[in-house]
């Protein structure tokens, strides 16, 4: 069992998405390797601490959007920007079916 596979198993278990087979496989690996067990315990503790921290934080509804606009103002277009780009493009609109090349050959 490779290290990358063990990392995936540990993350699945910590995130609560591991299958019973994943949990059993990780349990066997943790029993066989005390260093891996210590690392897993540290990861669980860090995950729990992070969850507690976020539970205590009360962020305003638009917090993420405002931060992203300040961090990357040139890379985060608004919905209005995207709509204007789409409407001014030469791309066919969703409601307009694009003619099939094979269909054009049949009618030539």
PDB file of N, CA and C in Angstrom:
ATOM      1  N   UNK A   1       0.861  -1.176   0.000  1.00  0.00           N
ATOM      2  CA  UNK A   1       0.000   0.000   0.000  1.00  0.00           C
ATOM      3  C   UNK A   1       0.900   1.230   0.000  1.00  0.00           C
ATOM      4  N   UNK A   2       0.725   2.088  -1.004  1.00  0.00           N
ATOM      5  CA  UNK A   2       1.568   3.263  -1.150  1.00  0.00           C
ATOM      6  C   UNK A   2       1.171   4.407  -0.233  1.00  0.00           C
ATOM      7  N   UNK A   3       2.101   5.323  -0.083  1.00  0.00           N
ATOM      8  CA  UNK A   3       1.885   6.473   0.791  1.00  0.00           C
ATOM      9  C   UNK A   3       0.732   7.348   0.294  1.00  0.00           C
ATOM     10  N   UNK A   4       0.656   7.557  -1.010  1.00  0.00           N
ATOM     11  CA  UNK A   4      -0.417   8.392  -1.553  1.00  0.00           C
ATOM     12  C   UNK A   4      -1.783   7.773  -1.241  1.00  0.00           C
ATOM     13  N   UNK A   5      -1.871   6.458  -1.357  1.00  0.00           N
ATOM     14  CA  UNK A   5      -3.124   5.761  -1.052  1.00  0.00           C
ATOM     15  C   UNK A   5      -3.493   5.941   0.423  1.00  0.00           C
ATOM     16  N   UNK A   6      -2.496   5.841   1.303  1.00  0.00           N
ATOM     17  CA  UNK A   6      -2.747   6.035   2.736  1.00  0.00           C
ATOM     18  C   UNK A   6      -3.214   7.462   3.026  1.00  0.00           C
ATOM     19  N   UNK A   7      -2.601   8.434   2.358  1.00  0.00           N
ATOM     20  CA  UNK A   7      -3.025   9.832   2.540  1.00  0.00           C
ATOM     21  C   UNK A   7      -4.485  10.011   2.135  1.00  0.00           C
ATOM     22  N   UNK A   8      -4.859   9.392   1.018  1.00  0.00           N
ATOM     23  CA  UNK A   8      -6.251   9.479   0.557  1.00  0.00           C
ATOM     24  C   UNK A   8      -7.181   8.842   1.578  1.00  0.00           C
ATOM     25  N   UNK A   9      -6.812   7.664   2.082  1.00  0.00           N
ATOM     26  CA  UNK A   9      -7.648   6.989   3.081  1.00  0.00           C
ATOM     27  C   UNK A   9      -7.798   7.836   4.339  1.00  0.00           C
ATOM     28  N   UNK A  10      -6.688   8.411   4.810  1.00  0.00           N
ATOM     29  CA  UNK A  10      -6.762   9.228   6.025  1.00  0.00           C
ATOM     30  C   UNK A  10      -7.698  10.415   5.819  1.00  0.00           C
ATOM     31  N   UNK A  11      -7.583  11.064   4.671  1.00  0.00           N
ATOM     32  CA  UNK A  11      -8.451  12.212   4.401  1.00  0.00           C
ATOM     33  C   UNK A  11      -9.908  11.808   4.271  1.00  0.00           C
ATOM     34  N   UNK A  12     -10.172  10.679   3.648  1.00  0.00           N
ATOM     35  CA  UNK A  12     -11.558  10.213   3.535  1.00  0.00           C
ATOM     36  C   UNK A  12     -12.155   9.932   4.913  1.00  0.00           C
ATOM     37  N   UNK A  13     -11.384   9.281   5.765  1.00  0.00           N
ATOM     38  CA  UNK A  13     -11.873   8.971   7.111  1.00  0.00           C
ATOM     39  C   UNK A  13     -12.113  10.262   7.889  1.00  0.00           C
ATOM     40  N   UNK A  14     -11.170  11.169   7.856  1.00  0.00           N
ATOM     41  CA  UNK A  14     -11.303  12.429   8.590  1.00  0.00           C
ATOM     42  C   UNK A  14     -12.490  13.243   8.073  1.00  0.00           C
ATOM     43  N   UNK A  15     -12.699  13.228   6.755  1.00  0.00           N
ATOM     44  CA  UNK A  15     -13.812  13.985   6.162  1.00  0.00           C
ATOM     45  C   UNK A  15     -15.152  13.287   6.321  1.00  0.00           C
ATOM     46  N   UNK A  16     -15.133  12.053   6.810  1.00  0.00           N
ATOM     47  CA  UNK A  16     -16.379  11.319   7.031  1.00  0.00           C
ATOM     48  C   UNK A  16     -16.991  10.737   5.774  1.00  0.00           C
ATOM     49  N   UNK A  17     -16.190  10.525   4.746  1.00  0.00           N
ATOM     50  CA  UNK A  17     -16.713   9.985   3.486  1.00  0.00           C
ATOM     51  C   UNK A  17     -16.128   8.618   3.140  1.00  0.00           C
ATOM     52  N   UNK A  18     -15.407   8.017   4.068  1.00  0.00           N
ATOM     53  CA  UNK A  18     -14.778   6.717   3.811  1.00  0.00           C
ATOM     54  C   UNK A  18     -15.808   5.602   3.845  1.00  0.00           C
ATOM     55  N   UNK A  19     -15.596   4.633   2.983  1.00  0.00           N
ATOM     56  CA  UNK A  19     -16.443   3.441   2.994  1.00  0.00           C
ATOM     57  C   UNK A  19     -16.001   2.552   4.155  1.00  0.00           C
ATOM     58  N   UNK A  20     -16.823   1.582   4.537  1.00  0.00           N
ATOM     59  CA  UNK A  20     -16.395   0.647   5.587  1.00  0.00           C
ATOM     60  C   UNK A  20     -15.088  -0.058   5.221  1.00  0.00           C
ATOM     61  N   UNK A  21     -14.917  -0.401   3.951  1.00  0.00           N
ATOM     62  CA  UNK A  21     -13.677  -1.058   3.521  1.00  0.00           C
ATOM     63  C   UNK A  21     -12.483  -0.115   3.674  1.00  0.00           C
ATOM     64  N   UNK A  22     -12.674   1.172   3.343  1.00  0.00           N
ATOM     65  CA  UNK A  22     -11.606   2.163   3.521  1.00  0.00           C
ATOM     66  C   UNK A  22     -11.216   2.276   4.991  1.00  0.00           C
ATOM     67  N   UNK A  23     -12.226   2.354   5.864  1.00  0.00           N
ATOM     68  CA  UNK A  23     -11.949   2.488   7.303  1.00  0.00           C
ATOM     69  C   UNK A  23     -11.197   1.266   7.835  1.00  0.00           C
ATOM     70  N   UNK A  24     -11.589   0.086   7.395  1.00  0.00           N
ATOM     71  CA  UNK A  24     -10.928  -1.145   7.837  1.00  0.00           C
ATOM     72  C   UNK A  24      -9.490  -1.197   7.335  1.00  0.00           C
ATOM     73  N   UNK A  25      -9.284  -0.825   6.088  1.00  0.00           N
ATOM     74  CA  UNK A  25      -7.936  -0.825   5.518  1.00  0.00           C
ATOM     75  C   UNK A  25      -7.030   0.151   6.266  1.00  0.00           C
ATOM     76  N   UNK A  26      -7.553   1.330   6.572  1.00  0.00           N
ATOM     77  CA  UNK A  26      -6.759   2.308   7.310  1.00  0.00           C
ATOM     78  C   UNK A  26      -6.489   1.825   8.727  1.00  0.00           C
ATOM     79  N   UNK A  27      -7.469   1.222   9.360  1.00  0.00           N
ATOM     80  CA  UNK A  27      -7.278   0.717  10.730  1.00  0.00           C
ATOM     81  C   UNK A  27      -6.135  -0.292  10.776  1.00  0.00           C
ATOM     82  N   UNK A  28      -6.084  -1.187   9.787  1.00  0.00           N
ATOM     83  CA  UNK A  28      -4.989  -2.173   9.746  1.00  0.00           C
ATOM     84  C   UNK A  28      -3.639  -1.480   9.568  1.00  0.00           C
ATOM     85  N   UNK A  29      -3.586  -0.475   8.697  1.00  0.00           N
ATOM     86  CA  UNK A  29      -2.332   0.242   8.465  1.00  0.00           C
ATOM     87  C   UNK A  29      -1.895   1.005   9.711  1.00  0.00           C
ATOM     88  N   UNK A  30      -2.852   1.599  10.425  1.00  0.00           N
ATOM     89  CA  UNK A  30      -2.521   2.352  11.639  1.00  0.00           C
ATOM     90  C   UNK A  30      -2.024   1.437  12.748  1.00  0.00           C
ATOM     91  N   UNK A  31      -2.585   0.236  12.838  1.00  0.00           N
ATOM     92  CA  UNK A  31      -2.121  -0.736  13.837  1.00  0.00           C
ATOM     93  C   UNK A  31      -0.698  -1.180  13.549  1.00  0.00           C
ATOM     94  N   UNK A  32      -0.348  -1.279  12.281  1.00  0.00           N
ATOM     95  CA  UNK A  32       0.971  -1.776  11.893  1.00  0.00           C
ATOM     96  C   UNK A  32       2.060  -0.709  11.936  1.00  0.00           C
ATOM     97  N   UNK A  33       1.691   0.559  11.950  1.00  0.00           N
ATOM     98  CA  UNK A  33       2.686   1.630  11.849  1.00  0.00           C
ATOM     99  C   UNK A  33       2.402   2.740  12.858  1.00  0.00           C
ATOM    100  N   UNK A  34       3.134   2.744  13.982  1.00  0.00           N
ATOM    101  CA  UNK A  34       2.918   3.767  15.012  1.00  0.00           C
ATOM    102  C   UNK A  34       3.172   5.198  14.515  1.00  0.00           C
ATOM    103  N   UNK A  35       4.096   5.366  13.591  1.00  0.00           N
ATOM    104  CA  UNK A  35       4.370   6.697  13.046  1.00  0.00           C
ATOM    105  C   UNK A  35       3.177   7.193  12.238  1.00  0.00           C
ATOM    106  N   UNK A  36       2.591   6.298  11.457  1.00  0.00           N
ATOM    107  CA  UNK A  36       1.398   6.648  10.693  1.00  0.00           C
ATOM    108  C   UNK A  36       0.244   6.977  11.636  1.00  0.00           C
ATOM    109  N   UNK A  37       0.118   6.212  12.727  1.00  0.00           N
ATOM    110  CA  UNK A  37      -0.932   6.460  13.727  1.00  0.00           C
ATOM    111  C   UNK A  37      -0.778   7.855  14.321  1.00  0.00           C
ATOM    112  N   UNK A  38       0.456   8.230  14.659  1.00  0.00           N
ATOM    113  CA  UNK A  38       0.705   9.557  15.238  1.00  0.00           C
ATOM    114  C   UNK A  38       0.354  10.657  14.236  1.00  0.00           C
ATOM    115  N   UNK A  39       0.714  10.443  12.981  1.00  0.00           N
ATOM    116  CA  UNK A  39       0.393  11.438  11.950  1.00  0.00           C
ATOM    117  C   UNK A  39      -1.119  11.561  11.764  1.00  0.00           C
ATOM    118  N   UNK A  40      -1.813  10.428  11.752  1.00  0.00           N
ATOM    119  CA  UNK A  40      -3.266  10.435  11.604  1.00  0.00           C
ATOM    120  C   UNK A  40      -3.917  11.175  12.773  1.00  0.00           C
ATOM    121  N   UNK A  41      -3.435  10.916  13.983  1.00  0.00           N
ATOM    122  CA  UNK A  41      -3.986  11.599  15.156  1.00  0.00           C
ATOM    123  C   UNK A  41      -3.775  13.113  15.073  1.00  0.00           C
ATOM    124  N   UNK A  42      -2.602  13.533  14.574  1.00  0.00           N
ATOM    125  CA  UNK A  42      -2.340  14.967  14.398  1.00  0.00           C
ATOM    126  C   UNK A  42      -3.274  15.574  13.355  1.00  0.00           C
ATOM    127  N   UNK A  43      -3.492  14.850  12.254  1.00  0.00           N
ATOM    128  CA  UNK A  43      -4.402  15.342  11.217  1.00  0.00           C
ATOM    129  C   UNK A  43      -5.823  15.484  11.751  1.00  0.00           C
ATOM    130  N   UNK A  44      -6.266  14.498  12.523  1.00  0.00           N
ATOM    131  CA  UNK A  44      -7.611  14.570  13.108  1.00  0.00           C
ATOM    132  C   UNK A  44      -7.735  15.765  14.036  1.00  0.00           C
ATOM    133  N   UNK A  45      -6.713  15.992  14.858  1.00  0.00           N
ATOM    134  CA  UNK A  45      -6.746  17.116  15.796  1.00  0.00           C
ATOM    135  C   UNK A  45      -6.771  18.448  15.045  1.00  0.00           C
ATOM    136  N   UNK A  46      -5.962  18.565  13.990  1.00  0.00           N
ATOM    137  CA  UNK A  46      -5.940  19.800  13.202  1.00  0.00           C
ATOM    138  C   UNK A  46      -7.292  20.024  12.524  1.00  0.00           C
ATOM    139  N   UNK A  47      -7.881  18.958  12.018  1.00  0.00           N
ATOM    140  CA  UNK A  47      -9.190  19.057  11.365  1.00  0.00           C
ATOM    141  C   UNK A  47     -10.246  19.512  12.369  1.00  0.00           C
ATOM    142  N   UNK A  48     -10.247  18.927  13.551  1.00  0.00           N
ATOM    143  CA  UNK A  48     -11.216  19.302  14.587  1.00  0.00           C
ATOM    144  C   UNK A  48     -11.046  20.757  15.007  1.00  0.00           C
ATOM    145  N   UNK A  49      -9.797  21.180  15.178  1.00  0.00           N
ATOM    146  CA  UNK A  49      -9.531  22.571  15.563  1.00  0.00           C
ATOM    147  C   UNK A  49     -10.013  23.542  14.495  1.00  0.00           C
ATOM    148  N   UNK A  50      -9.782  23.191  13.241  1.00  0.00           N
ATOM    149  CA  UNK A  50     -10.216  24.046  12.135  1.00  0.00           C
ATOM    150  C   UNK A  50     -11.731  24.148  12.097  1.00  0.00           C
ATOM    151  N   UNK A  51     -12.415  23.024  12.271  1.00  0.00           N
ATOM    152  CA  UNK A  51     -13.880  23.041  12.282  1.00  0.00           C
ATOM    153  C   UNK A  51     -14.413  23.907  13.416  1.00  0.00           C
ATOM    154  N   UNK A  52     -13.818  23.782  14.599  1.00  0.00           N
ATOM    155  CA  UNK A  52     -14.252  24.601  15.733  1.00  0.00           C
ATOM    156  C   UNK A  52     -14.045  26.086  15.459  1.00  0.00           C
ATOM    157  N   UNK A  53     -12.924  26.413  14.846  1.00  0.00           N
ATOM    158  CA  UNK A  53     -12.636  27.807  14.518  1.00  0.00           C
ATOM    159  C   UNK A  53     -13.691  28.368  13.568  1.00  0.00           C
ATOM    160  N   UNK A  54     -14.016  27.623  12.521  1.00  0.00           N
ATOM    161  CA  UNK A  54     -15.003  28.105  11.560  1.00  0.00           C
ATOM    162  C   UNK A  54     -16.402  28.162  12.145  1.00  0.00           C
ATOM    163  N   UNK A  55     -16.706  27.288  13.084  1.00  0.00           N
ATOM    164  CA  UNK A  55     -18.009  27.346  13.742  1.00  0.00           C
ATOM    165  C   UNK A  55     -18.144  28.617  14.575  1.00  0.00           C
ATOM    166  N   UNK A  56     -17.031  29.095  15.120  1.00  0.00           N
ATOM    167  CA  UNK A  56     -17.062  30.300  15.952  1.00  0.00           C
ATOM    168  C   UNK A  56     -17.101  31.578  15.127  1.00  0.00           C
ATOM    169  N   UNK A  57     -16.617  31.503  13.897  1.00  0.00           N
ATOM    170  CA  UNK A  57     -16.601  32.688  13.042  1.00  0.00           C
ATOM    171  C   UNK A  57     -17.989  32.938  12.474  1.00  0.00           C
ATOM    172  N   UNK A  58     -18.346  34.193  12.418  1.00  0.00           N
ATOM    173  CA  UNK A  58     -19.612  34.571  11.800  1.00  0.00           C
ATOM    174  C   UNK A  58     -19.294  35.610  10.734  1.00  0.00           C
ATOM    175  N   UNK A  59     -19.185  35.145   9.498  1.00  0.00           N
ATOM    176  CA  UNK A  59     -18.800  36.026   8.408  1.00  0.00           C
ATOM    177  C   UNK A  59     -20.029  36.596   7.715  1.00  0.00           C
ATOM    178  N   UNK A  60     -19.953  37.847   7.263  1.00  0.00           N
ATOM    179  CA  UNK A  60     -21.068  38.425   6.512  1.00  0.00           C
ATOM    180  C   UNK A  60     -21.308  37.631   5.226  1.00  0.00           C
ATOM    181  N   UNK A  61     -22.515  37.695   4.713  1.00  0.00           N
ATOM    182  CA  UNK A  61     -22.897  36.923   3.539  1.00  0.00           C
ATOM    183  C   UNK A  61     -22.036  37.143   2.310  1.00  0.00           C
ATOM    184  N   UNK A  62     -21.613  38.364   2.052  1.00  0.00           N
ATOM    185  CA  UNK A  62     -20.829  38.673   0.857  1.00  0.00           C
ATOM    186  C   UNK A  62     -19.327  38.685   1.129  1.00  0.00           C
ATOM    187  N   UNK A  63     -18.900  38.147   2.249  1.00  0.00           N
ATOM    188  CA  UNK A  63     -17.495  38.222   2.641  1.00  0.00           C
ATOM    189  C   UNK A  63     -16.568  37.631   1.579  1.00  0.00           C
ATOM    190  N   UNK A  64     -16.846  36.419   1.136  1.00  0.00           N
ATOM    191  CA  UNK A  64     -15.969  35.748   0.176  1.00  0.00           C
ATOM    192  C   UNK A  64     -15.886  36.530  -1.126  1.00  0.00           C
ATOM    193  N   UNK A  65     -17.010  36.992  -1.625  1.00  0.00           N
ATOM    194  CA  UNK A  65     -17.012  37.762  -2.867  1.00  0.00           C
ATOM    195  C   UNK A  65     -16.200  39.039  -2.761  1.00  0.00           C
ATOM    196  N   UNK A  66     -16.340  39.739  -1.641  1.00  0.00           N
ATOM    197  CA  UNK A  66     -15.579  40.985  -1.459  1.00  0.00           C
ATOM    198  C   UNK A  66     -14.088  40.709  -1.378  1.00  0.00           C
ATOM    199  N   UNK A  67     -13.708  39.660  -0.671  1.00  0.00           N
ATOM    200  CA  UNK A  67     -12.285  39.324  -0.564  1.00  0.00           C
ATOM    201  C   UNK A  67     -11.730  38.978  -1.938  1.00  0.00           C
ATOM    202  N   UNK A  68     -12.442  38.154  -2.689  1.00  0.00           N
ATOM    203  CA  UNK A  68     -11.955  37.752  -4.004  1.00  0.00           C
ATOM    204  C   UNK A  68     -11.830  38.948  -4.947  1.00  0.00           C
ATOM    205  N   UNK A  69     -12.739  39.887  -4.873  1.00  0.00           N
ATOM    206  CA  UNK A  69     -12.643  41.074  -5.729  1.00  0.00           C
ATOM    207  C   UNK A  69     -11.426  41.917  -5.362  1.00  0.00           C
ATOM    208  N   UNK A  70     -11.074  41.959  -4.097  1.00  0.00           N
ATOM    209  CA  UNK A  70      -9.896  42.730  -3.683  1.00  0.00           C
ATOM    210  C   UNK A  70      -8.606  41.994  -4.004  1.00  0.00           C
ATOM    211  N   UNK A  71      -8.618  40.682  -3.851  1.00  0.00           N
ATOM    212  CA  UNK A  71      -7.412  39.894  -4.096  1.00  0.00           C
ATOM    213  C   UNK A  71      -7.117  39.813  -5.585  1.00  0.00           C
ATOM    214  N   UNK A  72      -8.139  39.586  -6.386  1.00  0.00           N
ATOM    215  CA  UNK A  72      -7.963  39.414  -7.823  1.00  0.00           C
ATOM    216  C   UNK A  72      -8.966  40.281  -8.591  1.00  0.00           C
ATOM    217  N   UNK A  73      -8.879  41.591  -8.474  1.00  0.00           N
ATOM    218  CA  UNK A  73      -9.898  42.428  -9.110  1.00  0.00           C
ATOM    219  C   UNK A  73      -9.964  42.256 -10.623  1.00  0.00           C
ATOM    220  N   UNK A  74      -8.850  41.942 -11.267  1.00  0.00           N
ATOM    221  CA  UNK A  74      -8.852  41.792 -12.720  1.00  0.00           C
ATOM    222  C   UNK A  74      -9.274  40.401 -13.170  1.00  0.00           C
ATOM    223  N   UNK A  75      -9.401  39.477 -12.246  1.00  0.00           N
ATOM    224  CA  UNK A  75      -9.674  38.095 -12.615  1.00  0.00           C
ATOM    225  C   UNK A  75     -11.035  37.590 -12.161  1.00  0.00           C
ATOM    226  N   UNK A  76     -11.795  38.393 -11.471  1.00  0.00           N
ATOM    227  CA  UNK A  76     -13.097  37.955 -10.975  1.00  0.00           C
ATOM    228  C   UNK A  76     -14.180  38.854 -11.571  1.00  0.00           C
ATOM    229  N   UNK A  77     -14.691  38.475 -12.763  1.00  0.00           N
ATOM    230  CA  UNK A  77     -15.729  39.307 -13.364  1.00  0.00           C
ATOM    231  C   UNK A  77     -17.051  39.168 -12.621  1.00  0.00           C
ATOM    232  N   UNK A  78     -17.841  40.212 -12.684  1.00  0.00           N
ATOM    233  CA  UNK A  78     -19.168  40.168 -12.070  1.00  0.00           C
ATOM    234  C   UNK A  78     -20.119  39.434 -13.008  1.00  0.00           C
ATOM    235  N   UNK A  79     -21.309  39.113 -12.521  1.00  0.00           N
ATOM    236  CA  UNK A  79     -22.319  38.477 -13.365  1.00  0.00           C
ATOM    237  C   UNK A  79     -22.668  39.378 -14.546  1.00  0.00           C
ATOM    238  N   UNK A  80     -22.748  40.683 -14.296  1.00  0.00           N
ATOM    239  CA  UNK A  80     -23.063  41.627 -15.374  1.00  0.00           C
ATOM    240  C   UNK A  80     -21.967  41.612 -16.439  1.00  0.00           C
ATOM    241  N   UNK A  81     -20.693  41.525 -16.010  1.00  0.00           N
ATOM    242  CA  UNK A  81     -19.587  41.452 -16.965  1.00  0.00           C
ATOM    243  C   UNK A  81     -19.706  40.209 -17.837  1.00  0.00           C
ATOM    244  N   UNK A  82     -19.976  39.082 -17.210  1.00  0.00           N
ATOM    245  CA  UNK A  82     -20.094  37.828 -17.957  1.00  0.00           C
ATOM    246  C   UNK A  82     -21.262  37.870 -18.933  1.00  0.00           C
ATOM    247  N   UNK A  83     -22.374  38.414 -18.490  1.00  0.00           N
ATOM    248  CA  UNK A  83     -23.541  38.524 -19.365  1.00  0.00           C
ATOM    249  C   UNK A  83     -23.223  39.401 -20.571  1.00  0.00           C
ATOM    250  N   UNK A  84     -22.558  40.526 -20.359  1.00  0.00           N
ATOM    251  CA  UNK A  84     -22.200  41.425 -21.457  1.00  0.00           C
ATOM    252  C   UNK A  84     -21.252  40.740 -22.439  1.00  0.00           C
ATOM    253  N   UNK A  85     -20.300  39.980 -21.934  1.00  0.00           N
ATOM    254  CA  UNK A  85     -19.360  39.267 -22.805  1.00  0.00           C
ATOM    255  C   UNK A  85     -20.099  38.251 -23.661  1.00  0.00           C
ATOM    256  N   UNK A  86     -20.980  37.499 -23.043  1.00  0.00           N
ATOM    257  CA  UNK A  86     -21.730  36.472 -23.770  1.00  0.00           C
ATOM    258  C   UNK A  86     -22.632  37.103 -24.815  1.00  0.00           C
ATOM    259  N   UNK A  87     -23.330  38.162 -24.446  1.00  0.00           N
ATOM    260  CA  UNK A  87     -24.265  38.807 -25.374  1.00  0.00           C
ATOM    261  C   UNK A  87     -23.555  39.474 -26.545  1.00  0.00           C
ATOM    262  N   UNK A  88     -22.325  39.931 -26.353  1.00  0.00           N
ATOM    263  CA  UNK A  88     -21.608  40.602 -27.440  1.00  0.00           C
ATOM    264  C   UNK A  88     -20.776  39.634 -28.277  1.00  0.00           C
ATOM    265  N   UNK A  89     -20.756  38.363 -27.918  1.00  0.00           N
ATOM    266  CA  UNK A  89     -19.943  37.396 -28.658  1.00  0.00           C
ATOM    267  C   UNK A  89     -20.671  36.910 -29.906  1.00  0.00           C
ATOM    268  N   UNK A  90     -19.915  36.277 -30.792  1.00  0.00           N
ATOM    269  CA  UNK A  90     -20.478  35.690 -32.006  1.00  0.00           C
ATOM    270  C   UNK A  90     -20.935  34.255 -31.777  1.00  0.00           C
ATOM    271  N   UNK A  91     -20.821  33.785 -30.556  1.00  0.00           N
ATOM    272  CA  UNK A  91     -21.220  32.415 -30.259  1.00  0.00           C
ATOM    273  C   UNK A  91     -22.724  32.265 -30.389  1.00  0.00           C
ATOM    274  N   UNK A  92     -23.183  31.099 -30.876  1.00  0.00           N
ATOM    275  CA  UNK A  92     -24.632  30.894 -30.961  1.00  0.00           C
ATOM    276  C   UNK A  92     -25.239  30.861 -29.564  1.00  0.00           C
ATOM    277  N   UNK A  93     -26.413  31.416 -29.437  1.00  0.00           N
ATOM    278  CA  UNK A  93     -27.118  31.416 -28.156  1.00  0.00           C
ATOM    279  C   UNK A  93     -27.673  30.016 -27.897  1.00  0.00           C
ATOM    280  N   UNK A  94     -27.929  29.705 -26.661  1.00  0.00           N
ATOM    281  CA  UNK A  94     -28.431  28.386 -26.291  1.00  0.00           C
ATOM    282  C   UNK A  94     -29.739  28.085 -27.006  1.00  0.00           C
ATOM    283  N   UNK A  95     -30.584  29.082 -27.169  1.00  0.00           N
ATOM    284  CA  UNK A  95     -31.882  28.864 -27.798  1.00  0.00           C
ATOM    285  C   UNK A  95     -31.775  28.702 -29.313  1.00  0.00           C
ATOM    286  N   UNK A  96     -30.612  29.020 -29.880  1.00  0.00           N
ATOM    287  CA  UNK A  96     -30.415  28.889 -31.320  1.00  0.00           C
ATOM    288  C   UNK A  96     -29.664  27.598 -31.607  1.00  0.00           C
ATOM    289  N   UNK A  97     -30.316  26.610 -32.242  1.00  0.00           N
ATOM    290  CA  UNK A  97     -29.599  25.368 -32.533  1.00  0.00           C
ATOM    291  C   UNK A  97     -28.505  25.612 -33.564  1.00  0.00           C
ATOM    292  N   UNK A  98     -27.365  24.978 -33.355  1.00  0.00           N
ATOM    293  CA  UNK A  98     -26.260  25.078 -34.285  1.00  0.00           C
ATOM    294  C   UNK A  98     -26.463  24.044 -35.385  1.00  0.00           C
ATOM    295  N   UNK A  99     -26.437  24.461 -36.658  1.00  0.00           N
ATOM    296  CA  UNK A  99     -26.628  23.491 -37.736  1.00  0.00           C
ATOM    297  C   UNK A  99     -25.529  22.436 -37.724  1.00  0.00           C
ATOM    298  N   UNK A 100     -25.914  21.212 -37.943  1.00  0.00           N
ATOM    299  CA  UNK A 100     -24.973  20.104 -37.989  1.00  0.00           C
ATOM    300  C   UNK A 100     -24.255  20.107 -39.328  1.00  0.00           C
ATOM    301  N   UNK A 101     -22.938  19.911 -39.357  1.00  0.00           N
ATOM    302  CA  UNK A 101     -22.216  19.850 -40.634  1.00  0.00           C
ATOM    303  C   UNK A 101     -22.747  18.726 -41.521  1.00  0.00           C
ATOM    304  N   UNK A 102     -23.116  17.597 -40.937  1.00  0.00           N
ATOM    305  CA  UNK A 102     -23.645  16.481 -41.717  1.00  0.00           C
ATOM    306  C   UNK A 102     -24.971  16.867 -42.361  1.00  0.00           C
ATOM    307  N   UNK A 103     -25.777  17.629 -41.668  1.00  0.00           N
ATOM    308  CA  UNK A 103     -27.067  18.058 -42.205  1.00  0.00           C
ATOM    309  C   UNK A 103     -26.856  18.975 -43.409  1.00  0.00           C
ATOM    310  N   UNK A 104     -25.861  19.849 -43.338  1.00  0.00           N
ATOM    311  CA  UNK A 104     -25.565  20.737 -44.460  1.00  0.00           C
ATOM    312  C   UNK A 104     -25.141  19.950 -45.692  1.00  0.00           C
ATOM    313  N   UNK A 105     -24.404  18.869 -45.518  1.00  0.00           N
ATOM    314  CA  UNK A 105     -23.976  18.045 -46.641  1.00  0.00           C
ATOM    315  C   UNK A 105     -25.163  17.390 -47.325  1.00  0.00           C
ATOM    316  N   UNK A 106     -26.156  16.989 -46.542  1.00  0.00           N
ATOM    317  CA  UNK A 106     -27.330  16.335 -47.105  1.00  0.00           C
ATOM    318  C   UNK A 106     -28.156  17.288 -47.959  1.00  0.00           C
ATOM    319  N   UNK A 107     -28.155  18.554 -47.632  1.00  0.00           N
ATOM    320  CA  UNK A 107     -28.972  19.526 -48.347  1.00  0.00           C
ATOM    321  C   UNK A 107     -28.202  20.243 -49.450  1.00  0.00           C
ATOM    322  N   UNK A 108     -26.987  19.866 -49.711  1.00  0.00           N
ATOM    323  CA  UNK A 108     -26.173  20.525 -50.747  1.00  0.00           C
ATOM    324  C   UNK A 108     -26.473  19.964 -52.111  1.00  0.00           C
TER     325      UNK A 108
END
